Protein backbone atom coordinates (compact mmCIF):
# COMPACT_ATOMS: atom_id res chain seq x y z
CA UNK A 1 18.66 -52.94 -32.69
CA UNK A 2 20.69 -55.76 -31.19
CA UNK A 3 19.94 -59.42 -31.77
CA UNK A 4 19.63 -59.98 -28.04
CA UNK A 5 16.86 -57.48 -27.82
CA UNK A 6 14.97 -59.18 -30.63
CA UNK A 7 15.25 -62.62 -29.09
CA UNK A 8 14.05 -61.28 -25.79
CA UNK A 9 11.08 -59.77 -27.48
CA UNK A 10 10.31 -63.03 -29.31
CA UNK A 11 10.59 -64.99 -26.03
CA UNK A 12 8.08 -62.61 -24.45
CA UNK A 13 5.48 -63.54 -27.01
CA UNK A 14 3.46 -66.57 -26.13
CA UNK A 15 0.98 -68.40 -28.22
CA UNK A 16 -1.67 -67.66 -25.58
CA UNK A 17 -1.31 -63.94 -26.29
CA UNK A 18 -1.23 -64.36 -30.04
CA UNK A 19 -4.28 -66.55 -30.34
CA UNK A 20 -6.36 -65.29 -27.47
CA UNK A 21 -10.13 -64.93 -27.90
CA UNK A 22 -11.48 -61.34 -27.94
CA UNK A 23 -12.52 -60.04 -24.52
CA UNK A 24 -16.20 -59.43 -23.78
CA UNK A 25 -15.62 -55.68 -23.38
CA UNK A 26 -14.22 -55.27 -26.92
CA UNK A 27 -16.13 -52.82 -29.02
CA UNK A 28 -17.72 -53.70 -32.30
CA UNK A 29 -16.69 -52.27 -35.61
CA UNK A 30 -19.79 -50.12 -35.68
CA UNK A 31 -18.99 -48.61 -32.25
CA UNK A 32 -15.45 -47.78 -33.34
CA UNK A 33 -16.75 -46.27 -36.63
CA UNK A 34 -19.36 -44.16 -34.79
CA UNK A 35 -16.73 -42.91 -32.32
CA UNK A 36 -14.33 -42.04 -35.15
CA UNK A 37 -17.02 -40.17 -37.10
CA UNK A 38 -17.94 -38.31 -33.95
CA UNK A 39 -14.37 -37.25 -33.45
CA UNK A 40 -14.12 -36.19 -37.12
CA UNK A 41 -17.32 -34.12 -36.77
CA UNK A 42 -15.94 -32.47 -33.63
CA UNK A 43 -12.71 -31.53 -35.38
CA UNK A 44 -14.67 -30.05 -38.30
CA UNK A 45 -16.79 -27.98 -35.94
CA UNK A 46 -13.68 -26.65 -34.13
CA UNK A 47 -12.05 -25.82 -37.50
CA UNK A 48 -15.20 -24.02 -38.67
CA UNK A 49 -15.20 -22.03 -35.38
CA UNK A 50 -11.52 -21.19 -35.87
CA UNK A 51 -12.24 -20.00 -39.46
CA UNK A 52 -15.09 -17.91 -38.15
CA UNK A 53 -12.95 -16.33 -35.49
CA UNK A 54 -10.16 -15.56 -38.08
CA UNK A 55 -12.77 -13.96 -40.40
CA UNK A 56 -14.25 -11.82 -37.63
CA UNK A 57 -10.84 -10.86 -36.15
CA UNK A 58 -11.61 -12.40 -32.77
CA UNK A 59 -8.75 -14.90 -32.93
CA UNK A 60 -6.27 -14.66 -30.04
CA UNK A 61 -3.71 -17.12 -31.43
CA UNK A 62 -3.61 -17.32 -35.22
CA UNK A 63 -1.19 -20.24 -35.24
CA UNK A 64 -3.49 -22.44 -33.13
CA UNK A 65 -6.44 -21.52 -35.27
CA UNK A 66 -4.64 -22.40 -38.52
CA UNK A 67 -3.42 -25.63 -36.87
CA UNK A 68 -7.02 -26.63 -36.00
CA UNK A 69 -8.03 -25.99 -39.59
CA UNK A 70 -5.17 -28.03 -40.99
CA UNK A 71 -5.82 -30.95 -38.56
CA UNK A 72 -9.51 -30.98 -39.56
CA UNK A 73 -8.54 -31.00 -43.20
CA UNK A 74 -6.13 -33.86 -42.79
CA UNK A 75 -8.57 -35.87 -40.67
CA UNK A 76 -11.21 -35.45 -43.36
CA UNK A 77 -8.83 -36.58 -46.10
CA UNK A 78 -7.91 -39.65 -44.03
CA UNK A 79 -11.57 -40.46 -43.44
CA UNK A 80 -12.23 -40.21 -47.16
CA UNK A 81 -9.36 -42.50 -48.00
CA UNK A 82 -10.49 -45.01 -45.47
CA UNK A 83 -13.99 -44.90 -46.98
CA UNK A 84 -12.56 -45.36 -50.45
CA UNK A 85 -10.49 -48.39 -49.38
CA UNK A 86 -13.51 -49.94 -47.63
CA UNK A 87 -15.68 -49.40 -50.67
CA UNK A 88 -12.97 -50.86 -52.92
CA UNK A 89 -12.67 -53.90 -50.67
CA UNK A 90 -16.49 -54.36 -50.66
CA UNK A 91 -16.53 -54.17 -54.47
CA UNK A 92 -13.74 -56.78 -54.68
CA UNK A 93 -15.68 -59.10 -52.41
CA UNK A 94 -18.82 -58.68 -54.40
CA UNK A 95 -16.95 -59.58 -57.62
CA UNK A 96 -15.62 -62.85 -56.13
CA UNK A 97 -17.12 -65.99 -57.56
CA UNK A 98 -18.43 -68.47 -55.08
């Protein structure tokens, strides 16, 4: 990256954009969490359906079925890691002295 490109990007940033108040249509943390859990559930259901179609021999494209299963597994692992980090942060906050 060239220095000129960096300075142009820095000039494009204004303090108004950096310290702007959140918009009224921003979603809450709970809304984002519910949406994410819904997407996680959908991917798990699709993976289960793919496993079922593999087991019964009704799968048309084995590669896509295995891909759905792997994506569901990875998304579940990510969700578990996020949960563990959030729980760890909560415990750290609870241990703080006031």
